Amino acid sequence: MTRFWLVFSLAFLGAIGCAAEIGDDCNTNLDCGTAKQCDLSQPGGYCTAANCDSVPCPDGAICVAFSEQDHFCMAACDSNSDCRDSYVCVKNFGPHPFCNSVAAPE
C-alpha cells in the first residue's frame, strides 16, 4: 500500500510540474490546461487565454489587445531567446514585448 501512495504522489507532482504555460505548443485545448485555449492559427499551436482585459494573465504572460474586442494572453519576452523555436519577441506592437510566430510590421 505504501508503494501505491509513493507512485501516486510522484505521478501527481509530475503532472503539476508539467502544466502548460502561455506560449507553449499544443494540438488541442486539453494540451493547454484549465482556462486556456490552443490557438491553432499559430505554427505548432499556441496556448493562450482570451478576454484578458477582464481576467488577468498568469505569471510570465501579458495581455495583448489585437483589436478592440480581441485581447489574448501572450508569453512575455525581452529577446528572441525567451521565445520558443521559430517564434520572435515582438517589441513594436503595444506597450510590452511578447512571443509570436510573426514579427509586427515596422
PDB file of N, CA and C in Angstrom:
ATOM      1  N   MET A   1       0.822  -1.195   0.000  1.00  0.00           N
ATOM      2  CA  MET A   1       0.000   0.000   0.000  1.00  0.00           C
ATOM      3  C   MET A   1       0.867   1.262   0.000  1.00  0.00           C
ATOM      4  N   THR A   2       1.974   1.231   0.730  1.00  0.00           N
ATOM      5  CA  THR A   2       2.876   2.375   0.767  1.00  0.00           C
ATOM      6  C   THR A   2       3.440   2.651  -0.620  1.00  0.00           C
ATOM      7  N   ARG A   3       3.738   1.599  -1.349  1.00  0.00           N
ATOM      8  CA  ARG A   3       4.279   1.758  -2.698  1.00  0.00           C
ATOM      9  C   ARG A   3       3.260   2.451  -3.609  1.00  0.00           C
ATOM     10  N   PHE A   4       1.984   2.103  -3.471  1.00  0.00           N
ATOM     11  CA  PHE A   4       0.930   2.739  -4.261  1.00  0.00           C
ATOM     12  C   PHE A   4       0.925   4.246  -4.026  1.00  0.00           C
ATOM     13  N   TRP A   5       0.962   4.665  -2.775  1.00  0.00           N
ATOM     14  CA  TRP A   5       0.924   6.096  -2.450  1.00  0.00           C
ATOM     15  C   TRP A   5       2.172   6.814  -2.946  1.00  0.00           C
ATOM     16  N   LEU A   6       3.289   6.153  -2.912  1.00  0.00           N
ATOM     17  CA  LEU A   6       4.518   6.753  -3.420  1.00  0.00           C
ATOM     18  C   LEU A   6       4.406   6.988  -4.925  1.00  0.00           C
ATOM     19  N   VAL A   7       3.948   5.980  -5.648  1.00  0.00           N
ATOM     20  CA  VAL A   7       3.782   6.103  -7.097  1.00  0.00           C
ATOM     21  C   VAL A   7       2.733   7.165  -7.416  1.00  0.00           C
ATOM     22  N   PHE A   8       1.617   7.154  -6.701  1.00  0.00           N
ATOM     23  CA  PHE A   8       0.553   8.136  -6.910  1.00  0.00           C
ATOM     24  C   PHE A   8       1.064   9.549  -6.653  1.00  0.00           C
ATOM     25  N   SER A   9       1.798   9.735  -5.577  1.00  0.00           N
ATOM     26  CA  SER A   9       2.327  11.059  -5.223  1.00  0.00           C
ATOM     27  C   SER A   9       3.297  11.566  -6.277  1.00  0.00           C
ATOM     28  N   LEU A  10       4.183  10.699  -6.752  1.00  0.00           N
ATOM     29  CA  LEU A  10       5.132  11.099  -7.786  1.00  0.00           C
ATOM     30  C   LEU A  10       4.418  11.463  -9.086  1.00  0.00           C
ATOM     31  N   ALA A  11       3.400  10.702  -9.445  1.00  0.00           N
ATOM     32  CA  ALA A  11       2.637  10.998 -10.656  1.00  0.00           C
ATOM     33  C   ALA A  11       1.910  12.330 -10.522  1.00  0.00           C
ATOM     34  N   PHE A  12       1.331  12.583  -9.353  1.00  0.00           N
ATOM     35  CA  PHE A  12       0.613  13.834  -9.112  1.00  0.00           C
ATOM     36  C   PHE A  12       1.564  15.021  -9.179  1.00  0.00           C
ATOM     37  N   LEU A  13       2.701  14.921  -8.525  1.00  0.00           N
ATOM     38  CA  LEU A  13       3.677  16.009  -8.539  1.00  0.00           C
ATOM     39  C   LEU A  13       4.227  16.233  -9.942  1.00  0.00           C
ATOM     40  N   GLY A  14       4.416  15.180 -10.691  1.00  0.00           N
ATOM     41  CA  GLY A  14       4.878  15.307 -12.068  1.00  0.00           C
ATOM     42  C   GLY A  14       3.863  16.021 -12.938  1.00  0.00           C
ATOM     43  N   ALA A  15       2.592  15.729 -12.728  1.00  0.00           N
ATOM     44  CA  ALA A  15       1.542  16.386 -13.505  1.00  0.00           C
ATOM     45  C   ALA A  15       1.476  17.870 -13.192  1.00  0.00           C
ATOM     46  N   ILE A  16       1.662  18.229 -11.945  1.00  0.00           N
ATOM     47  CA  ILE A  16       1.634  19.640 -11.562  1.00  0.00           C
ATOM     48  C   ILE A  16       2.799  20.377 -12.204  1.00  0.00           C
ATOM     49  N   GLY A  17       3.962  19.790 -12.186  1.00  0.00           N
ATOM     50  CA  GLY A  17       5.149  20.430 -12.734  1.00  0.00           C
ATOM     51  C   GLY A  17       5.138  20.533 -14.246  1.00  0.00           C
ATOM     52  N   CYS A  18       4.268  19.808 -14.906  1.00  0.00           N
ATOM     53  CA  CYS A  18       4.234  19.790 -16.364  1.00  0.00           C
ATOM     54  C   CYS A  18       3.074  20.589 -16.936  1.00  0.00           C
ATOM     55  N   ALA A  19       2.452  21.434 -16.135  1.00  0.00           N
ATOM     56  CA  ALA A  19       1.319  22.213 -16.618  1.00  0.00           C
ATOM     57  C   ALA A  19       1.767  23.135 -17.746  1.00  0.00           C
ATOM     58  N   ALA A  20       0.948  23.215 -18.776  1.00  0.00           N
ATOM     59  CA  ALA A  20       1.269  24.071 -19.919  1.00  0.00           C
ATOM     60  C   ALA A  20       1.228  25.534 -19.510  1.00  0.00           C
ATOM     61  N   GLU A  21       2.114  26.309 -20.109  1.00  0.00           N
ATOM     62  CA  GLU A  21       2.172  27.743 -19.859  1.00  0.00           C
ATOM     63  C   GLU A  21       1.749  28.490 -21.114  1.00  0.00           C
ATOM     64  N   ILE A  22       1.391  29.743 -20.951  1.00  0.00           N
ATOM     65  CA  ILE A  22       1.072  30.581 -22.100  1.00  0.00           C
ATOM     66  C   ILE A  22       2.277  30.571 -23.050  1.00  0.00           C
ATOM     67  N   GLY A  23       2.002  30.336 -24.332  1.00  0.00           N
ATOM     68  CA  GLY A  23       3.062  30.300 -25.340  1.00  0.00           C
ATOM     69  C   GLY A  23       3.547  28.908 -25.682  1.00  0.00           C
ATOM     70  N   ASP A  24       3.180  27.905 -24.875  1.00  0.00           N
ATOM     71  CA  ASP A  24       3.596  26.532 -25.177  1.00  0.00           C
ATOM     72  C   ASP A  24       2.906  26.036 -26.441  1.00  0.00           C
ATOM     73  N   ASP A  25       3.509  25.042 -27.103  1.00  0.00           N
ATOM     74  CA  ASP A  25       2.883  24.443 -28.272  1.00  0.00           C
ATOM     75  C   ASP A  25       1.737  23.541 -27.839  1.00  0.00           C
ATOM     76  N   CYS A  26       0.803  23.279 -28.762  1.00  0.00           N
ATOM     77  CA  CYS A  26      -0.380  22.481 -28.429  1.00  0.00           C
ATOM     78  C   CYS A  26      -1.037  21.970 -29.705  1.00  0.00           C
ATOM     79  N   ASN A  27      -1.881  20.958 -29.526  1.00  0.00           N
ATOM     80  CA  ASN A  27      -2.698  20.428 -30.618  1.00  0.00           C
ATOM     81  C   ASN A  27      -4.182  20.589 -30.335  1.00  0.00           C
ATOM     82  N   THR A  28      -4.547  20.611 -29.048  1.00  0.00           N
ATOM     83  CA  THR A  28      -5.942  20.773 -28.638  1.00  0.00           C
ATOM     84  C   THR A  28      -5.987  21.645 -27.383  1.00  0.00           C
ATOM     85  N   ASN A  29      -7.173  22.112 -27.028  1.00  0.00           N
ATOM     86  CA  ASN A  29      -7.340  22.894 -25.799  1.00  0.00           C
ATOM     87  C   ASN A  29      -6.912  22.101 -24.574  1.00  0.00           C
ATOM     88  N   LEU A  30      -7.088  20.792 -24.599  1.00  0.00           N
ATOM     89  CA  LEU A  30      -6.704  19.956 -23.456  1.00  0.00           C
ATOM     90  C   LEU A  30      -5.211  20.039 -23.175  1.00  0.00           C
ATOM     91  N   ASP A  31      -4.410  20.253 -24.210  1.00  0.00           N
ATOM     92  CA  ASP A  31      -2.959  20.375 -24.025  1.00  0.00           C
ATOM     93  C   ASP A  31      -2.590  21.599 -23.193  1.00  0.00           C
ATOM     94  N   CYS A  32      -3.473  22.586 -23.162  1.00  0.00           N
ATOM     95  CA  CYS A  32      -3.162  23.864 -22.509  1.00  0.00           C
ATOM     96  C   CYS A  32      -3.625  23.939 -21.061  1.00  0.00           C
ATOM     97  N   GLY A  33      -4.439  23.020 -20.622  1.00  0.00           N
ATOM     98  CA  GLY A  33      -4.881  23.032 -19.234  1.00  0.00           C
ATOM     99  C   GLY A  33      -6.091  23.929 -19.019  1.00  0.00           C
ATOM    100  N   THR A  34      -6.384  24.147 -17.758  1.00  0.00           N
ATOM    101  CA  THR A  34      -7.573  24.884 -17.351  1.00  0.00           C
ATOM    102  C   THR A  34      -7.496  26.355 -17.755  1.00  0.00           C
ATOM    103  N   ALA A  35      -8.602  26.873 -18.242  1.00  0.00           N
ATOM    104  CA  ALA A  35      -8.784  28.296 -18.568  1.00  0.00           C
ATOM    105  C   ALA A  35      -7.850  28.800 -19.668  1.00  0.00           C
ATOM    106  N   LYS A  36      -7.353  27.899 -20.516  1.00  0.00           N
ATOM    107  CA  LYS A  36      -6.521  28.303 -21.652  1.00  0.00           C
ATOM    108  C   LYS A  36      -7.050  27.619 -22.914  1.00  0.00           C
ATOM    109  N   GLN A  37      -6.728  28.209 -24.056  1.00  0.00           N
ATOM    110  CA  GLN A  37      -7.118  27.639 -25.337  1.00  0.00           C
ATOM    111  C   GLN A  37      -5.885  27.430 -26.197  1.00  0.00           C
ATOM    112  N   CYS A  38      -6.029  26.520 -27.156  1.00  0.00           N
ATOM    113  CA  CYS A  38      -4.967  26.271 -28.129  1.00  0.00           C
ATOM    114  C   CYS A  38      -5.296  27.053 -29.399  1.00  0.00           C
ATOM    115  N   ASP A  39      -4.475  28.029 -29.717  1.00  0.00           N
ATOM    116  CA  ASP A  39      -4.636  28.817 -30.935  1.00  0.00           C
ATOM    117  C   ASP A  39      -3.916  28.092 -32.067  1.00  0.00           C
ATOM    118  N   LEU A  40      -4.682  27.404 -32.897  1.00  0.00           N
ATOM    119  CA  LEU A  40      -4.098  26.618 -33.986  1.00  0.00           C
ATOM    120  C   LEU A  40      -3.744  27.464 -35.203  1.00  0.00           C
ATOM    121  N   SER A  41      -4.041  28.752 -35.165  1.00  0.00           N
ATOM    122  CA  SER A  41      -3.617  29.616 -36.265  1.00  0.00           C
ATOM    123  C   SER A  41      -2.121  29.929 -36.167  1.00  0.00           C
ATOM    124  N   GLN A  42      -1.527  29.652 -35.019  1.00  0.00           N
ATOM    125  CA  GLN A  42      -0.087  29.829 -34.820  1.00  0.00           C
ATOM    126  C   GLN A  42       0.616  28.505 -35.147  1.00  0.00           C
ATOM    127  N   PRO A  43       1.777  28.537 -35.790  1.00  0.00           N
ATOM    128  CA  PRO A  43       2.504  27.302 -36.104  1.00  0.00           C
ATOM    129  C   PRO A  43       2.796  26.474 -34.853  1.00  0.00           C
ATOM    130  N   GLY A  44       2.414  25.206 -34.889  1.00  0.00           N
ATOM    131  CA  GLY A  44       2.631  24.321 -33.751  1.00  0.00           C
ATOM    132  C   GLY A  44       1.641  24.535 -32.625  1.00  0.00           C
ATOM    133  N   GLY A  45       0.654  25.412 -32.842  1.00  0.00           N
ATOM    134  CA  GLY A  45      -0.309  25.749 -31.789  1.00  0.00           C
ATOM    135  C   GLY A  45       0.328  26.660 -30.752  1.00  0.00           C
ATOM    136  N   TYR A  46      -0.505  27.406 -30.019  1.00  0.00           N
ATOM    137  CA  TYR A  46      -0.010  28.376 -29.038  1.00  0.00           C
ATOM    138  C   TYR A  46      -1.017  28.429 -27.902  1.00  0.00           C
ATOM    139  N   CYS A  47      -0.617  27.997 -26.722  1.00  0.00           N
ATOM    140  CA  CYS A  47      -1.507  28.077 -25.565  1.00  0.00           C
ATOM    141  C   CYS A  47      -1.696  29.539 -25.185  1.00  0.00           C
ATOM    142  N   THR A  48      -2.940  29.966 -25.099  1.00  0.00           N
ATOM    143  CA  THR A  48      -3.269  31.342 -24.769  1.00  0.00           C
ATOM    144  C   THR A  48      -4.528  31.367 -23.913  1.00  0.00           C
ATOM    145  N   ALA A  49      -4.915  32.534 -23.481  1.00  0.00           N
ATOM    146  CA  ALA A  49      -6.167  32.729 -22.749  1.00  0.00           C
ATOM    147  C   ALA A  49      -6.813  33.989 -23.299  1.00  0.00           C
ATOM    148  N   ALA A  50      -8.099  33.906 -23.588  1.00  0.00           N
ATOM    149  CA  ALA A  50      -8.825  35.036 -24.161  1.00  0.00           C
ATOM    150  C   ALA A  50      -9.395  35.929 -23.063  1.00  0.00           C
ATOM    151  N   ASN A  51      -9.853  37.082 -23.478  1.00  0.00           N
ATOM    152  CA  ASN A  51     -10.544  38.029 -22.596  1.00  0.00           C
ATOM    153  C   ASN A  51      -9.699  38.485 -21.417  1.00  0.00           C
ATOM    154  N   CYS A  52      -8.407  38.672 -21.645  1.00  0.00           N
ATOM    155  CA  CYS A  52      -7.538  39.086 -20.540  1.00  0.00           C
ATOM    156  C   CYS A  52      -7.750  40.543 -20.153  1.00  0.00           C
ATOM    157  N   ASP A  53      -8.593  41.247 -20.887  1.00  0.00           N
ATOM    158  CA  ASP A  53      -8.926  42.602 -20.469  1.00  0.00           C
ATOM    159  C   ASP A  53      -9.789  42.581 -19.210  1.00  0.00           C
ATOM    160  N   SER A  54     -10.450  41.436 -18.943  1.00  0.00           N
ATOM    161  CA  SER A  54     -11.267  41.316 -17.730  1.00  0.00           C
ATOM    162  C   SER A  54     -10.742  40.267 -16.755  1.00  0.00           C
ATOM    163  N   VAL A  55      -9.899  39.358 -17.217  1.00  0.00           N
ATOM    164  CA  VAL A  55      -9.299  38.320 -16.368  1.00  0.00           C
ATOM    165  C   VAL A  55      -7.783  38.402 -16.551  1.00  0.00           C
ATOM    166  N   PRO A  56      -7.024  38.612 -15.473  1.00  0.00           N
ATOM    167  CA  PRO A  56      -5.572  38.791 -15.637  1.00  0.00           C
ATOM    168  C   PRO A  56      -4.865  37.547 -16.178  1.00  0.00           C
ATOM    169  N   CYS A  57      -3.776  37.781 -16.877  1.00  0.00           N
ATOM    170  CA  CYS A  57      -2.945  36.691 -17.397  1.00  0.00           C
ATOM    171  C   CYS A  57      -2.115  36.089 -16.268  1.00  0.00           C
ATOM    172  N   PRO A  58      -1.743  34.814 -16.406  1.00  0.00           N
ATOM    173  CA  PRO A  58      -0.869  34.196 -15.397  1.00  0.00           C
ATOM    174  C   PRO A  58       0.544  34.785 -15.457  1.00  0.00           C
ATOM    175  N   ASP A  59       1.342  34.484 -14.455  1.00  0.00           N
ATOM    176  CA  ASP A  59       2.733  34.943 -14.420  1.00  0.00           C
ATOM    177  C   ASP A  59       3.458  34.534 -15.699  1.00  0.00           C
ATOM    178  N   GLY A  60       4.303  35.402 -16.189  1.00  0.00           N
ATOM    179  CA  GLY A  60       5.080  35.112 -17.387  1.00  0.00           C
ATOM    180  C   GLY A  60       4.360  35.441 -18.677  1.00  0.00           C
ATOM    181  N   ALA A  61       3.155  36.008 -18.562  1.00  0.00           N
ATOM    182  CA  ALA A  61       2.373  36.356 -19.748  1.00  0.00           C
ATOM    183  C   ALA A  61       1.849  37.782 -19.608  1.00  0.00           C
ATOM    184  N   ILE A  62       1.561  38.388 -20.743  1.00  0.00           N
ATOM    185  CA  ILE A  62       0.991  39.731 -20.752  1.00  0.00           C
ATOM    186  C   ILE A  62      -0.242  39.743 -21.645  1.00  0.00           C
ATOM    187  N   CYS A  63      -1.130  40.694 -21.394  1.00  0.00           N
ATOM    188  CA  CYS A  63      -2.361  40.825 -22.171  1.00  0.00           C
ATOM    189  C   CYS A  63      -2.085  41.709 -23.382  1.00  0.00           C
ATOM    190  N   VAL A  64      -2.378  41.184 -24.559  1.00  0.00           N
ATOM    191  CA  VAL A  64      -2.158  41.923 -25.803  1.00  0.00           C
ATOM    192  C   VAL A  64      -3.511  42.184 -26.457  1.00  0.00           C
ATOM    193  N   ALA A  65      -3.768  43.456 -26.787  1.00  0.00           N
ATOM    194  CA  ALA A  65      -5.000  43.841 -27.478  1.00  0.00           C
ATOM    195  C   ALA A  65      -4.729  43.816 -28.980  1.00  0.00           C
ATOM    196  N   PHE A  66      -5.239  42.793 -29.657  1.00  0.00           N
ATOM    197  CA  PHE A  66      -5.064  42.692 -31.105  1.00  0.00           C
ATOM    198  C   PHE A  66      -6.109  43.527 -31.838  1.00  0.00           C
ATOM    199  N   SER A  67      -7.226  43.774 -31.174  1.00  0.00           N
ATOM    200  CA  SER A  67      -8.266  44.677 -31.665  1.00  0.00           C
ATOM    201  C   SER A  67      -9.025  45.155 -30.431  1.00  0.00           C
ATOM    202  N   GLU A  68     -10.015  45.986 -30.650  1.00  0.00           N
ATOM    203  CA  GLU A  68     -10.787  46.492 -29.508  1.00  0.00           C
ATOM    204  C   GLU A  68     -11.489  45.357 -28.757  1.00  0.00           C
ATOM    205  N   GLN A  69     -11.885  44.305 -29.471  1.00  0.00           N
ATOM    206  CA  GLN A  69     -12.594  43.186 -28.855  1.00  0.00           C
ATOM    207  C   GLN A  69     -11.700  42.004 -28.509  1.00  0.00           C
ATOM    208  N   ASP A  70     -10.577  41.865 -29.176  1.00  0.00           N
ATOM    209  CA  ASP A  70      -9.751  40.661 -29.036  1.00  0.00           C
ATOM    210  C   ASP A  70      -8.508  40.913 -28.186  1.00  0.00           C
ATOM    211  N   HIS A  71      -8.547  40.403 -26.946  1.00  0.00           N
ATOM    212  CA  HIS A  71      -7.426  40.513 -26.008  1.00  0.00           C
ATOM    213  C   HIS A  71      -7.000  39.097 -25.626  1.00  0.00           C
ATOM    214  N   PHE A  72      -5.719  38.777 -25.825  1.00  0.00           N
ATOM    215  CA  PHE A  72      -5.215  37.440 -25.527  1.00  0.00           C
ATOM    216  C   PHE A  72      -3.937  37.515 -24.705  1.00  0.00           C
ATOM    217  N   CYS A  73      -3.777  36.541 -23.802  1.00  0.00           N
ATOM    218  CA  CYS A  73      -2.526  36.412 -23.054  1.00  0.00           C
ATOM    219  C   CYS A  73      -1.470  35.840 -23.991  1.00  0.00           C
ATOM    220  N   MET A  74      -0.311  36.465 -23.995  1.00  0.00           N
ATOM    221  CA  MET A  74       0.813  36.023 -24.812  1.00  0.00           C
ATOM    222  C   MET A  74       2.036  35.910 -23.914  1.00  0.00           C
ATOM    223  N   ALA A  75       2.950  35.028 -24.264  1.00  0.00           N
ATOM    224  CA  ALA A  75       4.170  34.844 -23.473  1.00  0.00           C
ATOM    225  C   ALA A  75       4.998  36.127 -23.510  1.00  0.00           C
ATOM    226  N   ALA A  76       5.374  36.627 -22.349  1.00  0.00           N
ATOM    227  CA  ALA A  76       6.204  37.830 -22.256  1.00  0.00           C
ATOM    228  C   ALA A  76       7.646  37.486 -22.630  1.00  0.00           C
ATOM    229  N   CYS A  77       8.381  38.473 -23.139  1.00  0.00           N
ATOM    230  CA  CYS A  77       9.776  38.243 -23.524  1.00  0.00           C
ATOM    231  C   CYS A  77      10.566  39.542 -23.455  1.00  0.00           C
ATOM    232  N   ASP A  78      11.871  39.394 -23.428  1.00  0.00           N
ATOM    233  CA  ASP A  78      12.790  40.523 -23.550  1.00  0.00           C
ATOM    234  C   ASP A  78      13.600  40.417 -24.840  1.00  0.00           C
ATOM    235  N   SER A  79      13.774  39.181 -25.323  1.00  0.00           N
ATOM    236  CA  SER A  79      14.532  38.956 -26.557  1.00  0.00           C
ATOM    237  C   SER A  79      14.033  37.673 -27.217  1.00  0.00           C
ATOM    238  N   ASN A  80      14.455  37.427 -28.451  1.00  0.00           N
ATOM    239  CA  ASN A  80      14.034  36.227 -29.181  1.00  0.00           C
ATOM    240  C   ASN A  80      14.391  34.947 -28.439  1.00  0.00           C
ATOM    241  N   SER A  81      15.461  34.968 -27.671  1.00  0.00           N
ATOM    242  CA  SER A  81      15.880  33.758 -26.946  1.00  0.00           C
ATOM    243  C   SER A  81      14.891  33.370 -25.848  1.00  0.00           C
ATOM    244  N   ASP A  82      13.998  34.276 -25.461  1.00  0.00           N
ATOM    245  CA  ASP A  82      12.964  33.966 -24.469  1.00  0.00           C
ATOM    246  C   ASP A  82      11.794  33.215 -25.088  1.00  0.00           C
ATOM    247  N   CYS A  83      11.735  33.175 -26.412  1.00  0.00           N
ATOM    248  CA  CYS A  83      10.618  32.548 -27.123  1.00  0.00           C
ATOM    249  C   CYS A  83      11.015  31.163 -27.618  1.00  0.00           C
ATOM    250  N   ARG A  84      10.014  30.344 -27.885  1.00  0.00           N
ATOM    251  CA  ARG A  84      10.312  29.008 -28.394  1.00  0.00           C
ATOM    252  C   ARG A  84      10.811  29.094 -29.839  1.00  0.00           C
ATOM    253  N   ASP A  85      11.347  27.985 -30.345  1.00  0.00           N
ATOM    254  CA  ASP A  85      11.899  27.937 -31.703  1.00  0.00           C
ATOM    255  C   ASP A  85      10.885  28.443 -32.719  1.00  0.00           C
ATOM    256  N   SER A  86      11.352  29.198 -33.697  1.00  0.00           N
ATOM    257  CA  SER A  86      10.558  29.756 -34.793  1.00  0.00           C
ATOM    258  C   SER A  86       9.626  30.885 -34.356  1.00  0.00           C
ATOM    259  N   TYR A  87       9.757  31.353 -33.131  1.00  0.00           N
ATOM    260  CA  TYR A  87       8.964  32.485 -32.641  1.00  0.00           C
ATOM    261  C   TYR A  87       9.901  33.646 -32.345  1.00  0.00           C
ATOM    262  N   VAL A  88       9.366  34.861 -32.434  1.00  0.00           N
ATOM    263  CA  VAL A  88      10.170  36.059 -32.200  1.00  0.00           C
ATOM    264  C   VAL A  88       9.552  36.900 -31.089  1.00  0.00           C
ATOM    265  N   CYS A  89      10.389  37.715 -30.484  1.00  0.00           N
ATOM    266  CA  CYS A  89       9.939  38.644 -29.450  1.00  0.00           C
ATOM    267  C   CYS A  89       9.501  39.936 -30.148  1.00  0.00           C
ATOM    268  N   VAL A  90       8.198  40.161 -30.190  1.00  0.00           N
ATOM    269  CA  VAL A  90       7.628  41.336 -30.854  1.00  0.00           C
ATOM    270  C   VAL A  90       7.688  42.513 -29.883  1.00  0.00           C
ATOM    271  N   LYS A  91       8.412  43.554 -30.275  1.00  0.00           N
ATOM    272  CA  LYS A  91       8.621  44.697 -29.375  1.00  0.00           C
ATOM    273  C   LYS A  91       7.948  45.976 -29.859  1.00  0.00           C
ATOM    274  N   ASN A  92       7.372  45.957 -31.051  1.00  0.00           N
ATOM    275  CA  ASN A  92       6.801  47.178 -31.611  1.00  0.00           C
ATOM    276  C   ASN A  92       5.284  47.092 -31.813  1.00  0.00           C
ATOM    277  N   PHE A  93       4.610  46.344 -30.939  1.00  0.00           N
ATOM    278  CA  PHE A  93       3.156  46.202 -31.024  1.00  0.00           C
ATOM    279  C   PHE A  93       2.611  46.278 -29.604  1.00  0.00           C
ATOM    280  N   GLY A  94       2.219  47.433 -29.171  1.00  0.00           N
ATOM    281  CA  GLY A  94       1.725  47.604 -27.809  1.00  0.00           C
ATOM    282  C   GLY A  94       2.850  47.922 -26.839  1.00  0.00           C
ATOM    283  N   PRO A  95       2.492  48.091 -25.572  1.00  0.00           N
ATOM    284  CA  PRO A  95       3.470  48.557 -24.577  1.00  0.00           C
ATOM    285  C   PRO A  95       4.458  47.502 -24.079  1.00  0.00           C
ATOM    286  N   HIS A  96       4.148  46.208 -24.254  1.00  0.00           N
ATOM    287  CA  HIS A  96       5.001  45.153 -23.704  1.00  0.00           C
ATOM    288  C   HIS A  96       5.364  44.143 -24.791  1.00  0.00           C
ATOM    289  N   PRO A  97       6.615  43.697 -24.847  1.00  0.00           N
ATOM    290  CA  PRO A  97       7.013  42.695 -25.840  1.00  0.00           C
ATOM    291  C   PRO A  97       6.424  41.315 -25.528  1.00  0.00           C
ATOM    292  N   PHE A  98       6.157  40.547 -26.588  1.00  0.00           N
ATOM    293  CA  PHE A  98       5.570  39.211 -26.434  1.00  0.00           C
ATOM    294  C   PHE A  98       6.043  38.299 -27.551  1.00  0.00           C
ATOM    295  N   CYS A  99       5.978  36.988 -27.295  1.00  0.00           N
ATOM    296  CA  CYS A  99       6.387  35.977 -28.280  1.00  0.00           C
ATOM    297  C   CYS A  99       5.258  35.724 -29.267  1.00  0.00           C
ATOM    298  N   ASN A 100       5.593  35.749 -30.551  1.00  0.00           N
ATOM    299  CA  ASN A 100       4.620  35.492 -31.602  1.00  0.00           C
ATOM    300  C   ASN A 100       5.340  34.822 -32.770  1.00  0.00           C
ATOM    301  N   SER A 101       4.568  34.187 -33.642  1.00  0.00           N
ATOM    302  CA  SER A 101       5.175  33.486 -34.774  1.00  0.00           C
ATOM    303  C   SER A 101       5.599  34.432 -35.882  1.00  0.00           C
ATOM    304  N   VAL A 102       5.060  35.632 -35.897  1.00  0.00           N
ATOM    305  CA  VAL A 102       5.441  36.628 -36.897  1.00  0.00           C
ATOM    306  C   VAL A 102       5.725  37.957 -36.216  1.00  0.00           C
ATOM    307  N   ALA A 103       6.687  38.664 -36.744  1.00  0.00           N
ATOM    308  CA  ALA A 103       7.005  39.985 -36.208  1.00  0.00           C
ATOM    309  C   ALA A 103       5.950  40.985 -36.668  1.00  0.00           C
ATOM    310  N   ALA A 104       5.715  41.993 -35.864  1.00  0.00           N
ATOM    311  CA  ALA A 104       4.796  43.065 -36.255  1.00  0.00           C
ATOM    312  C   ALA A 104       5.442  43.887 -37.359  1.00  0.00           C
ATOM    313  N   PRO A 105       4.633  44.419 -38.285  1.00  0.00           N
ATOM    314  CA  PRO A 105       5.216  45.256 -39.339  1.00  0.00           C
ATOM    315  C   PRO A 105       5.879  46.498 -38.745  1.00  0.00           C
ATOM    316  N   GLU A 106       6.941  46.929 -39.383  1.00  0.00           N
ATOM    317  CA  GLU A 106       7.669  48.124 -38.907  1.00  0.00           C
ATOM    318  C   GLU A 106       6.859  49.365 -39.145  1.00  0.00           C
TER     319      GLU A 106
END
